[in-house]
């Protein structure tokens, strides 16, 4: 397939710059085949049944967007993309600057070139980042991050730090909504996939088959594959929350991963799985997701589950209906039946 087949027009005014006032008040487009229904996210439990399995991604975003001062007085913004080892981090910044950068009284960076930096700090690094850093909002959110983003650009079940972006399909859940699902007999299970640059890297190849994703770290409980199999055998459905949770479980079940150690009943590894139309899903029957950028890998994953024409047809209708798009936007539920 060619990349141009995943284009669609979107008025800039529909790109959400801030979250909905209440998480579960976001709109929910329910897609079943080519049929679309317009609801609110709080209505989600109506579409799940006793014995279904809901898989969520509990990764947590640290405020790793830092602004520092060079010795000359100039300012530079740096994103801590990934901890390589000890105090050495992979970083993203503009201009190729090397040298020191003072972020706060307790944190400085030494940019060494090659996309790397050494962190110099005193005290608890996580606390320092929360005090000194901003949340790494996507570039299409054209405003400076603020204090509210530290709460809202995070799922209510986030607990394992490591992502440079939130698993945004999960932003719509509230503790009360999760309780309603459990009370209905839905199994809610967690896994971890730390979102990295690969999720957002543009596809530069004309043909999808030539694109390669960057590896991302994941963890899942050793019993999860058994629960997935048991759910399907009993007639239940597996709902994955977001493309990140989908990639983690599909990467493992398809063997498209590199496994690391497996302590304490946990399966750990990395996956660079790229899911696009033609992929045979091993786990996901239904997908809860946000609206994605044109030509993006998450858009292609959603297309693989429901069909490209069905998805782009739904996007066209949602544009006409004034849905809010991308990370802070509205949600979609893709059903198999």
Foldseek 3Di string as FASTA:
>chain_A
DFLVLQDDDFDLVQADLAFDPALQQFWAWEFAQLDTDIGTSLCVLVVFAALAEEEEAQEWEAQQWFWWADPVGDIWTKGFFFDDDDQKTQIDTPDQDAAKTHQDPFWIWGRDGPRMIGIGGDDDPRVVRLVGGFQLDDVSSPDGGDPVCNPQQHAPNHDHYAASGRLQLRSSDDPVSVVVNVVRNYHYAYKHKHHGCQQPDAAPDRDPVPDWGDKIKIKGALCVVVSQVVSVVVPYFYEYRHPRSQCRVQCVVVVQWAWDDQPPRMTITIHGDQAAAPDDRPGHQKYKYFADHGSGSRLRNVCNNRNSVSVSSSVVVCSVVSWRHDRSTHMYIYHHD
